[in-house]
Amino acid sequence: MKENLDDRQECLKEILEKNQKRAELPKYIDRIIGLYNRDGRFHHILPESIPSKEAIVDIIGRTLKIIYPGYFTSERLDEVKIQYYFGQKVTELFDTLSEQVTLAIRHDCLRFNRPCVYCEEKGQEIALQFIGAIPEIQLMLSKDVRAAYEGDPASCHFDDIIFCYPGLYAISVYRIAHWLHIHEVPLIPRIMTEYAHSLTGIDIHPGVEIGESFFIDHGTGVVIGETTKIGNRVRIYQGVTLGALSLSKEEVESLRRKKRHPTIEDDVIIYANATILGGNTVIGARSVIGGNVWLTESIPPDTEVFLKKPELIVKKIKDAFK
């Protein structure tokens, strides 16, 4: 009995100690409130709401269900259901996208003191235009799927590519985000492509210009910078960087809206871990860039660029068990 009483007293002591610690929280909260906007700290304590990352990820999922109907849904889709399916999915996408675009535009207007553009009306207009553009985006992506199938003998069917290939997922999100980017929707396109980056390891800025039938094989570690231009039927492999040259602080500001990344012309193949840098660098059509190549200068069309074969040393391993 005495042991039970001692245990109870110990529990009560722990509860009181915990409450004493919690009682100290207000002084820490006051300090955080007093400093959140000082000494260059960042915050968004303002009257307007900002776009929701969760809602934008949801928009990606909703759009892919329309672009690839029947692939990313648990329900069976047939000709009987198709009218209802598209009616529901398109309406839900319009409502969610128009709300988030409105928030993004309003955020920019208030934060940067821009003239009013009637955010809500603009958000609905852009969402409607985007839905109108889905067939064109879908057509572009169908060519990307075929490029993956034709370029990868490991693919058994188009279904593997749509379900499984991280490269196609990254390109699909990029094509959605790029449409929003060129229609001057702030913030949302970058959230989209960075979300795809976090899932696939493939980093494509929404400002990149990419032609038809683009294929990224394997994909991990691919980086494609904002002002890159890529032609038709280009194929790249894992670890490829299409980037900018290193810049000083002063140069960064002066080049912020200028071309800093390379141009890749039609039918180029770039093998694993190649790095191509600079806004004046052009890789000519039908050229092949070998693995691990580092380029900061242009290459004419119909050119192969490879590293000289390294010297291999082959040594017999001594039998450690003898």
C-alpha atoms as a PDB file:
ATOM      1  CA  MET A   1       0.000   0.000   0.000  1.00  0.00           C
ATOM      2  CA  LYS A   2       2.842   2.328   0.923  1.00  0.00           C
ATOM      3  CA  GLU A   3       4.508   1.600  -2.430  1.00  0.00           C
ATOM      4  CA  ASN A   4       1.311   2.560  -4.302  1.00  0.00           C
ATOM      5  CA  LEU A   5       1.119   5.814  -2.332  1.00  0.00           C
ATOM      6  CA  ASP A   6       4.750   6.608  -3.113  1.00  0.00           C
ATOM      7  CA  ASP A   7       4.167   5.943  -6.813  1.00  0.00           C
ATOM      8  CA  ARG A   8       1.153   8.248  -6.779  1.00  0.00           C
ATOM      9  CA  GLN A   9       3.128  11.017  -5.104  1.00  0.00           C
ATOM     10  CA  GLU A  10       5.870  10.617  -7.718  1.00  0.00           C
ATOM     11  CA  CYS A  11       3.315  10.913 -10.554  1.00  0.00           C
ATOM     12  CA  LEU A  12       1.816  14.054  -9.018  1.00  0.00           C
ATOM     13  CA  LYS A  13       5.292  15.526  -8.672  1.00  0.00           C
ATOM     14  CA  GLU A  14       6.002  14.892 -12.378  1.00  0.00           C
ATOM     15  CA  ILE A  15       2.691  16.523 -13.376  1.00  0.00           C
ATOM     16  CA  LEU A  16       3.458  19.606 -11.299  1.00  0.00           C
ATOM     17  CA  GLU A  17       6.965  19.882 -12.749  1.00  0.00           C
ATOM     18  CA  LYS A  18       5.564  19.642 -16.273  1.00  0.00           C
ATOM     19  CA  ASN A  19       3.049  22.383 -15.558  1.00  0.00           C
ATOM     20  CA  GLN A  20       5.790  24.559 -14.101  1.00  0.00           C
ATOM     21  CA  LYS A  21       7.743  24.247 -17.358  1.00  0.00           C
ATOM     22  CA  ARG A  22       4.658  25.086 -19.428  1.00  0.00           C
ATOM     23  CA  ALA A  23       4.082  28.134 -17.230  1.00  0.00           C
ATOM     24  CA  GLU A  24       7.379  29.514 -18.512  1.00  0.00           C
ATOM     25  CA  LEU A  25       6.209  29.473 -22.164  1.00  0.00           C
ATOM     26  CA  PRO A  26       4.653  33.002 -22.217  1.00  0.00           C
ATOM     27  CA  LYS A  27       8.026  34.689 -21.710  1.00  0.00           C
ATOM     28  CA  TYR A  28       9.458  32.767 -24.684  1.00  0.00           C
ATOM     29  CA  ILE A  29       6.391  33.542 -26.784  1.00  0.00           C
ATOM     30  CA  ASP A  30       6.732  37.260 -25.946  1.00  0.00           C
ATOM     31  CA  ARG A  31      10.379  37.179 -27.041  1.00  0.00           C
ATOM     32  CA  ILE A  32       9.499  35.478 -30.344  1.00  0.00           C
ATOM     33  CA  ILE A  33       6.728  38.031 -31.009  1.00  0.00           C
ATOM     34  CA  GLY A  34       9.060  40.894 -30.167  1.00  0.00           C
ATOM     35  CA  LEU A  35      11.727  39.759 -32.635  1.00  0.00           C
ATOM     36  CA  TYR A  36       9.918  38.050 -35.553  1.00  0.00           C
ATOM     37  CA  ASN A  37      10.197  41.148 -37.784  1.00  0.00           C
ATOM     38  CA  ARG A  38      13.599  42.477 -36.746  1.00  0.00           C
ATOM     39  CA  ASP A  39      17.171  42.110 -37.980  1.00  0.00           C
ATOM     40  CA  GLY A  40      16.196  40.810 -41.412  1.00  0.00           C
ATOM     41  CA  ARG A  41      13.967  37.944 -40.243  1.00  0.00           C
ATOM     42  CA  PHE A  42      11.273  36.836 -42.702  1.00  0.00           C
ATOM     43  CA  HIS A  43       7.548  36.674 -41.984  1.00  0.00           C
ATOM     44  CA  HIS A  44       4.201  36.878 -43.716  1.00  0.00           C
ATOM     45  CA  ILE A  45       2.001  38.447 -41.042  1.00  0.00           C
ATOM     46  CA  LEU A  46      -0.077  40.532 -43.417  1.00  0.00           C
ATOM     47  CA  PRO A  47      -3.790  41.064 -44.176  1.00  0.00           C
ATOM     48  CA  GLU A  48      -3.852  38.899 -47.314  1.00  0.00           C
ATOM     49  CA  SER A  49      -3.727  35.122 -47.454  1.00  0.00           C
ATOM     50  CA  ILE A  50      -1.048  33.386 -49.493  1.00  0.00           C
ATOM     51  CA  PRO A  51      -1.384  30.380 -51.810  1.00  0.00           C
ATOM     52  CA  SER A  52      -1.504  27.022 -50.049  1.00  0.00           C
ATOM     53  CA  LYS A  53       1.218  24.543 -50.959  1.00  0.00           C
ATOM     54  CA  GLU A  54      -1.139  21.679 -50.098  1.00  0.00           C
ATOM     55  CA  ALA A  55      -3.794  23.079 -52.456  1.00  0.00           C
ATOM     56  CA  ILE A  56      -1.240  23.496 -55.251  1.00  0.00           C
ATOM     57  CA  VAL A  57      -0.088  19.888 -54.875  1.00  0.00           C
ATOM     58  CA  ASP A  58      -3.771  18.941 -55.046  1.00  0.00           C
ATOM     59  CA  ILE A  59      -4.083  20.944 -58.298  1.00  0.00           C
ATOM     60  CA  ILE A  60      -1.233  18.900 -59.806  1.00  0.00           C
ATOM     61  CA  GLY A  61      -3.048  15.677 -58.923  1.00  0.00           C
ATOM     62  CA  ARG A  62      -6.383  16.921 -60.272  1.00  0.00           C
ATOM     63  CA  THR A  63      -4.798  18.069 -63.531  1.00  0.00           C
ATOM     64  CA  LEU A  64      -2.991  14.771 -64.084  1.00  0.00           C
ATOM     65  CA  LYS A  65      -6.284  12.906 -63.607  1.00  0.00           C
ATOM     66  CA  ILE A  66      -7.680  14.917 -66.532  1.00  0.00           C
ATOM     67  CA  ILE A  67      -4.578  14.710 -68.730  1.00  0.00           C
ATOM     68  CA  TYR A  68      -4.195  10.956 -68.160  1.00  0.00           C
ATOM     69  CA  PRO A  69      -7.827   9.879 -67.604  1.00  0.00           C
ATOM     70  CA  GLY A  70      -8.213   6.525 -65.917  1.00  0.00           C
ATOM     71  CA  TYR A  71      -4.582   6.261 -64.758  1.00  0.00           C
ATOM     72  CA  PHE A  72      -4.555   8.106 -61.439  1.00  0.00           C
ATOM     73  CA  THR A  73      -7.919   7.177 -59.967  1.00  0.00           C
ATOM     74  CA  SER A  74      -9.094   4.229 -57.891  1.00  0.00           C
ATOM     75  CA  GLU A  75     -12.484   4.164 -59.607  1.00  0.00           C
ATOM     76  CA  ARG A  76     -13.144   2.279 -62.817  1.00  0.00           C
ATOM     77  CA  LEU A  77     -13.571   4.634 -65.755  1.00  0.00           C
ATOM     78  CA  ASP A  78     -15.556   3.614 -68.826  1.00  0.00           C
ATOM     79  CA  GLU A  79     -17.523   5.282 -71.620  1.00  0.00           C
ATOM     80  CA  VAL A  80     -20.679   5.362 -69.496  1.00  0.00           C
ATOM     81  CA  LYS A  81     -18.985   7.374 -66.730  1.00  0.00           C
ATOM     82  CA  ILE A  82     -16.779   9.606 -68.846  1.00  0.00           C
ATOM     83  CA  GLN A  83     -19.126  12.607 -69.084  1.00  0.00           C
ATOM     84  CA  TYR A  84     -19.706  12.630 -65.335  1.00  0.00           C
ATOM     85  CA  TYR A  85     -15.996  12.027 -64.626  1.00  0.00           C
ATOM     86  CA  PHE A  86     -14.748  14.942 -66.700  1.00  0.00           C
ATOM     87  CA  GLY A  87     -17.569  17.205 -65.541  1.00  0.00           C
ATOM     88  CA  GLN A  88     -16.707  16.607 -61.913  1.00  0.00           C
ATOM     89  CA  LYS A  89     -12.902  16.725 -62.278  1.00  0.00           C
ATOM     90  CA  VAL A  90     -12.854  19.841 -64.468  1.00  0.00           C
ATOM     91  CA  THR A  91     -15.267  21.735 -62.198  1.00  0.00           C
ATOM     92  CA  GLU A  92     -13.253  20.860 -59.081  1.00  0.00           C
ATOM     93  CA  LEU A  93     -10.018  21.878 -60.812  1.00  0.00           C
ATOM     94  CA  PHE A  94     -11.498  25.215 -61.917  1.00  0.00           C
ATOM     95  CA  ASP A  95     -12.679  26.060 -58.393  1.00  0.00           C
ATOM     96  CA  THR A  96      -9.384  25.160 -56.709  1.00  0.00           C
ATOM     97  CA  LEU A  97      -7.108  26.679 -59.354  1.00  0.00           C
ATOM     98  CA  SER A  98      -9.024  29.962 -59.641  1.00  0.00           C
ATOM     99  CA  GLU A  99      -8.883  30.390 -55.853  1.00  0.00           C
ATOM    100  CA  GLN A 100      -5.136  29.763 -55.645  1.00  0.00           C
ATOM    101  CA  VAL A 101      -4.318  31.945 -58.667  1.00  0.00           C
ATOM    102  CA  THR A 102      -6.407  34.738 -57.109  1.00  0.00           C
ATOM    103  CA  LEU A 103      -4.429  34.449 -53.867  1.00  0.00           C
ATOM    104  CA  ALA A 104      -1.113  34.477 -55.751  1.00  0.00           C
ATOM    105  CA  ILE A 105      -2.019  37.573 -57.769  1.00  0.00           C
ATOM    106  CA  ARG A 106      -3.422  39.402 -54.745  1.00  0.00           C
ATOM    107  CA  HIS A 107      -0.300  38.551 -52.745  1.00  0.00           C
ATOM    108  CA  ASP A 108       1.917  40.145 -55.408  1.00  0.00           C
ATOM    109  CA  CYS A 109      -0.325  43.192 -55.767  1.00  0.00           C
ATOM    110  CA  LEU A 110      -0.325  43.993 -52.053  1.00  0.00           C
ATOM    111  CA  ARG A 111       3.242  43.013 -51.258  1.00  0.00           C
ATOM    112  CA  PHE A 112       4.752  44.960 -54.184  1.00  0.00           C
ATOM    113  CA  ASN A 113       2.175  47.783 -54.202  1.00  0.00           C
ATOM    114  CA  ARG A 114       1.025  47.107 -57.765  1.00  0.00           C
ATOM    115  CA  PRO A 115      -2.068  48.549 -59.466  1.00  0.00           C
ATOM    116  CA  CYS A 116      -5.271  46.566 -58.963  1.00  0.00           C
ATOM    117  CA  VAL A 117      -5.930  43.945 -61.637  1.00  0.00           C
ATOM    118  CA  TYR A 118      -9.196  42.663 -60.109  1.00  0.00           C
ATOM    119  CA  CYS A 119      -7.610  39.558 -58.632  1.00  0.00           C
ATOM    120  CA  GLU A 120     -10.672  37.341 -58.385  1.00  0.00           C
ATOM    121  CA  GLU A 121     -11.833  37.993 -61.928  1.00  0.00           C
ATOM    122  CA  LYS A 122      -8.264  37.500 -63.172  1.00  0.00           C
ATOM    123  CA  GLY A 123      -7.923  34.246 -61.229  1.00  0.00           C
ATOM    124  CA  GLN A 124     -11.093  32.824 -62.766  1.00  0.00           C
ATOM    125  CA  GLU A 125     -10.082  33.978 -66.252  1.00  0.00           C
ATOM    126  CA  ILE A 126      -6.660  32.284 -66.013  1.00  0.00           C
ATOM    127  CA  ALA A 127      -8.171  29.092 -64.579  1.00  0.00           C
ATOM    128  CA  LEU A 128     -10.647  28.954 -67.478  1.00  0.00           C
ATOM    129  CA  GLN A 129      -7.885  29.563 -70.038  1.00  0.00           C
ATOM    130  CA  PHE A 130      -5.786  26.826 -68.433  1.00  0.00           C
ATOM    131  CA  ILE A 131      -8.630  24.327 -68.688  1.00  0.00           C
ATOM    132  CA  GLY A 132      -9.050  25.359 -72.314  1.00  0.00           C
ATOM    133  CA  ALA A 133      -5.331  24.624 -72.867  1.00  0.00           C
ATOM    134  CA  ILE A 134      -5.444  21.102 -71.359  1.00  0.00           C
ATOM    135  CA  PRO A 135      -5.918  19.342 -74.742  1.00  0.00           C
ATOM    136  CA  GLU A 136      -2.731  21.026 -76.074  1.00  0.00           C
ATOM    137  CA  ILE A 137      -0.781  20.140 -72.906  1.00  0.00           C
ATOM    138  CA  GLN A 138      -2.127  16.583 -73.157  1.00  0.00           C
ATOM    139  CA  LEU A 139      -0.972  16.334 -76.783  1.00  0.00           C
ATOM    140  CA  MET A 140       2.535  17.543 -75.891  1.00  0.00           C
ATOM    141  CA  LEU A 141       2.752  14.995 -73.087  1.00  0.00           C
ATOM    142  CA  SER A 142       1.561  12.180 -75.348  1.00  0.00           C
ATOM    143  CA  LYS A 143       4.589  12.913 -77.539  1.00  0.00           C
ATOM    144  CA  ASP A 144       6.831  12.866 -74.447  1.00  0.00           C
ATOM    145  CA  VAL A 145       5.423   9.427 -73.509  1.00  0.00           C
ATOM    146  CA  ARG A 146       6.143   8.104 -77.015  1.00  0.00           C
ATOM    147  CA  ALA A 147       9.656   9.574 -76.907  1.00  0.00           C
ATOM    148  CA  ALA A 148      10.292   7.678 -73.664  1.00  0.00           C
ATOM    149  CA  TYR A 149       9.009   4.439 -75.177  1.00  0.00           C
ATOM    150  CA  GLU A 150      11.067   4.846 -78.340  1.00  0.00           C
ATOM    151  CA  GLY A 151      14.186   5.856 -76.423  1.00  0.00           C
ATOM    152  CA  ASP A 152      14.173   3.221 -73.681  1.00  0.00           C
ATOM    153  CA  PRO A 153      14.199  -0.495 -74.560  1.00  0.00           C
ATOM    154  CA  ALA A 154      13.443  -1.261 -70.894  1.00  0.00           C
ATOM    155  CA  SER A 155       9.935   0.164 -71.274  1.00  0.00           C
ATOM    156  CA  CYS A 156       7.391  -2.566 -71.942  1.00  0.00           C
ATOM    157  CA  HIS A 157       4.429  -0.351 -72.740  1.00  0.00           C
ATOM    158  CA  PHE A 158       3.185   3.223 -72.490  1.00  0.00           C
ATOM    159  CA  ASP A 159       1.477   2.305 -69.198  1.00  0.00           C
ATOM    160  CA  ASP A 160       4.818   1.648 -67.445  1.00  0.00           C
ATOM    161  CA  ILE A 161       6.010   5.089 -68.472  1.00  0.00           C
ATOM    162  CA  ILE A 162       2.905   6.927 -67.267  1.00  0.00           C
ATOM    163  CA  PHE A 163       2.693   5.010 -63.991  1.00  0.00           C
ATOM    164  CA  CYS A 164       6.369   4.592 -63.133  1.00  0.00           C
ATOM    165  CA  TYR A 165       8.826   6.953 -64.837  1.00  0.00           C
ATOM    166  CA  PRO A 166       9.962   9.871 -62.653  1.00  0.00           C
ATOM    167  CA  GLY A 167      11.145  11.672 -65.791  1.00  0.00           C
ATOM    168  CA  LEU A 168       7.642  11.736 -67.233  1.00  0.00           C
ATOM    169  CA  TYR A 169       6.169  12.895 -63.923  1.00  0.00           C
ATOM    170  CA  ALA A 170       8.663  15.780 -63.754  1.00  0.00           C
ATOM    171  CA  ILE A 171       7.982  16.735 -67.381  1.00  0.00           C
ATOM    172  CA  SER A 172       4.197  16.536 -66.822  1.00  0.00           C
ATOM    173  CA  VAL A 173       4.384  18.884 -63.848  1.00  0.00           C
ATOM    174  CA  TYR A 174       6.767  21.152 -65.757  1.00  0.00           C
ATOM    175  CA  ARG A 175       4.359  21.476 -68.721  1.00  0.00           C
ATOM    176  CA  ILE A 176       1.509  22.407 -66.354  1.00  0.00           C
ATOM    177  CA  ALA A 177       3.696  24.894 -64.471  1.00  0.00           C
ATOM    178  CA  HIS A 178       5.189  26.350 -67.673  1.00  0.00           C
ATOM    179  CA  TRP A 179       1.742  27.261 -68.992  1.00  0.00           C
ATOM    180  CA  LEU A 180       1.001  29.126 -65.756  1.00  0.00           C
ATOM    181  CA  HIS A 181       4.468  30.732 -65.826  1.00  0.00           C
ATOM    182  CA  ILE A 182       4.086  32.166 -69.329  1.00  0.00           C
ATOM    183  CA  HIS A 183       0.664  33.498 -68.304  1.00  0.00           C
ATOM    184  CA  GLU A 184       2.408  35.397 -65.502  1.00  0.00           C
ATOM    185  CA  VAL A 185       0.926  33.536 -62.547  1.00  0.00           C
ATOM    186  CA  PRO A 186       3.255  34.284 -59.635  1.00  0.00           C
ATOM    187  CA  LEU A 187       4.648  31.757 -57.147  1.00  0.00           C
ATOM    188  CA  ILE A 188       2.445  28.755 -58.078  1.00  0.00           C
ATOM    189  CA  PRO A 189       4.553  27.453 -61.026  1.00  0.00           C
ATOM    190  CA  ARG A 190       7.696  27.360 -58.896  1.00  0.00           C
ATOM    191  CA  ILE A 191       5.911  25.565 -56.063  1.00  0.00           C
ATOM    192  CA  MET A 192       4.761  22.966 -58.592  1.00  0.00           C
ATOM    193  CA  THR A 193       8.151  22.227 -60.125  1.00  0.00           C
ATOM    194  CA  GLU A 194       9.921  22.211 -56.757  1.00  0.00           C
ATOM    195  CA  TYR A 195       7.361  19.695 -55.512  1.00  0.00           C
ATOM    196  CA  ALA A 196       8.144  17.478 -58.514  1.00  0.00           C
ATOM    197  CA  HIS A 197      11.852  18.036 -57.785  1.00  0.00           C
ATOM    198  CA  SER A 198      11.378  16.834 -54.204  1.00  0.00           C
ATOM    199  CA  LEU A 199       9.721  13.618 -55.436  1.00  0.00           C
ATOM    200  CA  THR A 200      11.900  12.791 -58.451  1.00  0.00           C
ATOM    201  CA  GLY A 201      15.276  14.477 -57.967  1.00  0.00           C
ATOM    202  CA  ILE A 202      14.663  16.273 -61.296  1.00  0.00           C
ATOM    203  CA  ASP A 203      14.845  20.074 -61.085  1.00  0.00           C
ATOM    204  CA  ILE A 204      13.210  21.862 -64.048  1.00  0.00           C
ATOM    205  CA  HIS A 205      12.509  25.574 -63.666  1.00  0.00           C
ATOM    206  CA  PRO A 206       9.026  26.476 -64.996  1.00  0.00           C
ATOM    207  CA  GLY A 207      10.563  29.168 -67.198  1.00  0.00           C
ATOM    208  CA  VAL A 208      12.497  26.650 -69.318  1.00  0.00           C
ATOM    209  CA  GLU A 209      11.399  26.338 -72.966  1.00  0.00           C
ATOM    210  CA  ILE A 210      11.144  22.670 -74.003  1.00  0.00           C
ATOM    211  CA  GLY A 211      10.026  21.430 -77.408  1.00  0.00           C
ATOM    212  CA  GLU A 212       8.175  18.249 -78.366  1.00  0.00           C
ATOM    213  CA  SER A 213       9.109  14.637 -77.597  1.00  0.00           C
ATOM    214  CA  PHE A 214      11.401  15.315 -74.636  1.00  0.00           C
ATOM    215  CA  PHE A 215      12.775  12.333 -72.718  1.00  0.00           C
ATOM    216  CA  ILE A 216      14.669  12.219 -69.418  1.00  0.00           C
ATOM    217  CA  ASP A 217      16.013   8.708 -68.805  1.00  0.00           C
ATOM    218  CA  HIS A 218      16.411   7.709 -65.126  1.00  0.00           C
ATOM    219  CA  GLY A 219      16.526  11.383 -64.204  1.00  0.00           C
ATOM    220  CA  THR A 220      17.972  11.611 -60.694  1.00  0.00           C
ATOM    221  CA  GLY A 221      20.128  14.716 -60.326  1.00  0.00           C
ATOM    222  CA  VAL A 222      19.009  16.453 -63.537  1.00  0.00           C
ATOM    223  CA  VAL A 223      19.049  20.274 -63.257  1.00  0.00           C
ATOM    224  CA  ILE A 224      17.628  22.526 -66.000  1.00  0.00           C
ATOM    225  CA  GLY A 225      17.941  26.247 -65.323  1.00  0.00           C
ATOM    226  CA  GLU A 226      15.367  28.969 -65.949  1.00  0.00           C
ATOM    227  CA  THR A 227      16.506  30.379 -69.310  1.00  0.00           C
ATOM    228  CA  THR A 228      17.441  27.062 -70.942  1.00  0.00           C
ATOM    229  CA  LYS A 229      15.979  26.445 -74.398  1.00  0.00           C
ATOM    230  CA  ILE A 230      15.538  22.840 -75.528  1.00  0.00           C
ATOM    231  CA  GLY A 231      14.454  21.847 -79.027  1.00  0.00           C
ATOM    232  CA  ASN A 232      12.460  18.869 -80.260  1.00  0.00           C
ATOM    233  CA  ARG A 233      13.313  15.186 -79.710  1.00  0.00           C
ATOM    234  CA  VAL A 234      16.047  15.859 -77.146  1.00  0.00           C
ATOM    235  CA  ARG A 235      17.096  13.060 -74.794  1.00  0.00           C
ATOM    236  CA  ILE A 236      19.057  13.519 -71.561  1.00  0.00           C
ATOM    237  CA  TYR A 237      20.216  11.134 -68.857  1.00  0.00           C
ATOM    238  CA  GLN A 238      20.653  11.249 -65.086  1.00  0.00           C
ATOM    239  CA  GLY A 239      22.899  13.849 -63.508  1.00  0.00           C
ATOM    240  CA  VAL A 240      22.861  16.251 -66.475  1.00  0.00           C
ATOM    241  CA  THR A 241      23.139  19.940 -65.582  1.00  0.00           C
ATOM    242  CA  LEU A 242      22.042  22.684 -67.967  1.00  0.00           C
ATOM    243  CA  GLY A 243      23.100  25.581 -65.815  1.00  0.00           C
ATOM    244  CA  ALA A 244      24.555  29.064 -65.471  1.00  0.00           C
ATOM    245  CA  LEU A 245      28.144  30.086 -64.874  1.00  0.00           C
ATOM    246  CA  SER A 246      29.053  31.119 -61.348  1.00  0.00           C
ATOM    247  CA  LEU A 247      28.418  34.836 -60.802  1.00  0.00           C
ATOM    248  CA  SER A 248      29.324  37.572 -58.332  1.00  0.00           C
ATOM    249  CA  LYS A 249      26.551  39.347 -56.383  1.00  0.00           C
ATOM    250  CA  GLU A 250      26.673  42.282 -58.798  1.00  0.00           C
ATOM    251  CA  GLU A 251      26.432  40.011 -61.850  1.00  0.00           C
ATOM    252  CA  VAL A 252      23.501  38.086 -60.359  1.00  0.00           C
ATOM    253  CA  GLU A 253      21.380  41.234 -60.202  1.00  0.00           C
ATOM    254  CA  SER A 254      22.336  42.434 -63.682  1.00  0.00           C
ATOM    255  CA  LEU A 255      21.561  39.033 -65.254  1.00  0.00           C
ATOM    256  CA  ARG A 256      18.413  38.235 -63.287  1.00  0.00           C
ATOM    257  CA  ARG A 257      16.137  38.477 -66.348  1.00  0.00           C
ATOM    258  CA  LYS A 258      18.681  37.723 -69.079  1.00  0.00           C
ATOM    259  CA  LYS A 259      19.662  34.435 -70.722  1.00  0.00           C
ATOM    260  CA  ARG A 260      22.084  32.590 -68.450  1.00  0.00           C
ATOM    261  CA  HIS A 261      21.561  28.955 -69.459  1.00  0.00           C
ATOM    262  CA  PRO A 262      22.413  27.014 -72.617  1.00  0.00           C
ATOM    263  CA  THR A 263      20.424  26.319 -75.776  1.00  0.00           C
ATOM    264  CA  ILE A 264      20.037  22.679 -76.833  1.00  0.00           C
ATOM    265  CA  GLU A 265      18.929  22.290 -80.448  1.00  0.00           C
ATOM    266  CA  ASP A 266      16.816  19.490 -82.004  1.00  0.00           C
ATOM    267  CA  ASP A 267      17.718  15.783 -81.743  1.00  0.00           C
ATOM    268  CA  VAL A 268      20.568  16.225 -79.257  1.00  0.00           C
ATOM    269  CA  ILE A 269      21.506  13.413 -76.842  1.00  0.00           C
ATOM    270  CA  ILE A 270      23.251  14.293 -73.566  1.00  0.00           C
ATOM    271  CA  TYR A 271      24.636  11.380 -71.552  1.00  0.00           C
ATOM    272  CA  ALA A 272      24.895  10.991 -67.782  1.00  0.00           C
ATOM    273  CA  ASN A 273      26.549  13.622 -65.583  1.00  0.00           C
ATOM    274  CA  ALA A 274      27.398  16.005 -68.421  1.00  0.00           C
ATOM    275  CA  THR A 275      27.479  19.679 -67.418  1.00  0.00           C
ATOM    276  CA  ILE A 276      26.689  22.419 -69.951  1.00  0.00           C
ATOM    277  CA  LEU A 277      26.863  26.000 -68.709  1.00  0.00           C
ATOM    278  CA  GLY A 278      26.310  29.548 -69.927  1.00  0.00           C
ATOM    279  CA  GLY A 279      23.732  31.611 -71.787  1.00  0.00           C
ATOM    280  CA  ASN A 280      25.848  31.836 -74.951  1.00  0.00           C
ATOM    281  CA  THR A 281      26.478  28.090 -75.134  1.00  0.00           C
ATOM    282  CA  VAL A 282      24.618  26.377 -77.994  1.00  0.00           C
ATOM    283  CA  ILE A 283      24.673  22.631 -78.601  1.00  0.00           C
ATOM    284  CA  GLY A 284      24.011  22.196 -82.308  1.00  0.00           C
ATOM    285  CA  ALA A 285      21.330  19.926 -83.696  1.00  0.00           C
ATOM    286  CA  ARG A 286      21.906  16.149 -83.796  1.00  0.00           C
ATOM    287  CA  SER A 287      25.012  16.387 -81.602  1.00  0.00           C
ATOM    288  CA  VAL A 288      25.893  13.828 -78.934  1.00  0.00           C
ATOM    289  CA  ILE A 289      27.456  14.914 -75.635  1.00  0.00           C
ATOM    290  CA  GLY A 290      29.193  12.086 -73.781  1.00  0.00           C
ATOM    291  CA  GLY A 291      29.025  11.296 -70.083  1.00  0.00           C
ATOM    292  CA  ASN A 292      30.886  13.522 -67.583  1.00  0.00           C
ATOM    293  CA  VAL A 293      31.710  16.135 -70.239  1.00  0.00           C
ATOM    294  CA  TRP A 294      32.045  19.739 -68.992  1.00  0.00           C
ATOM    295  CA  LEU A 295      31.157  22.392 -71.603  1.00  0.00           C
ATOM    296  CA  THR A 296      31.092  26.186 -71.484  1.00  0.00           C
ATOM    297  CA  GLU A 297      31.390  26.770 -75.233  1.00  0.00           C
ATOM    298  CA  SER A 298      29.179  26.097 -78.237  1.00  0.00           C
ATOM    299  CA  ILE A 299      29.284  22.902 -80.287  1.00  0.00           C
ATOM    300  CA  PRO A 300      28.325  22.906 -83.995  1.00  0.00           C
ATOM    301  CA  PRO A 301      25.583  20.615 -85.345  1.00  0.00           C
ATOM    302  CA  ASP A 302      26.327  16.931 -86.018  1.00  0.00           C
ATOM    303  CA  THR A 303      29.198  16.797 -83.505  1.00  0.00           C
ATOM    304  CA  GLU A 304      30.185  14.153 -80.955  1.00  0.00           C
ATOM    305  CA  VAL A 305      31.899  15.303 -77.770  1.00  0.00           C
ATOM    306  CA  PHE A 306      33.470  12.671 -75.519  1.00  0.00           C
ATOM    307  CA  LEU A 307      36.166  12.574 -72.881  1.00  0.00           C
ATOM    308  CA  LYS A 308      39.346  10.784 -73.828  1.00  0.00           C
ATOM    309  CA  LYS A 309      39.219   7.231 -72.551  1.00  0.00           C
ATOM    310  CA  PRO A 310      40.985   7.093 -69.177  1.00  0.00           C
ATOM    311  CA  GLU A 311      43.765   4.609 -68.575  1.00  0.00           C
ATOM    312  CA  LEU A 312      42.407   1.568 -66.774  1.00  0.00           C
ATOM    313  CA  ILE A 313      44.527  -0.399 -64.330  1.00  0.00           C
ATOM    314  CA  VAL A 314      43.480  -4.041 -63.954  1.00  0.00           C
ATOM    315  CA  LYS A 315      45.087  -5.922 -61.054  1.00  0.00           C
ATOM    316  CA  LYS A 316      44.599  -9.459 -59.873  1.00  0.00           C
ATOM    317  CA  ILE A 317      43.121  -9.524 -56.364  1.00  0.00           C
ATOM    318  CA  LYS A 318      45.103 -11.809 -54.070  1.00  0.00           C
ATOM    319  CA  ASP A 319      43.084 -14.613 -52.590  1.00  0.00           C
ATOM    320  CA  ALA A 320      42.577 -13.478 -48.993  1.00  0.00           C
ATOM    321  CA  PHE A 321      41.391 -16.917 -47.901  1.00  0.00           C
ATOM    322  CA  LYS A 322      44.647 -18.718 -48.669  1.00  0.00           C
END
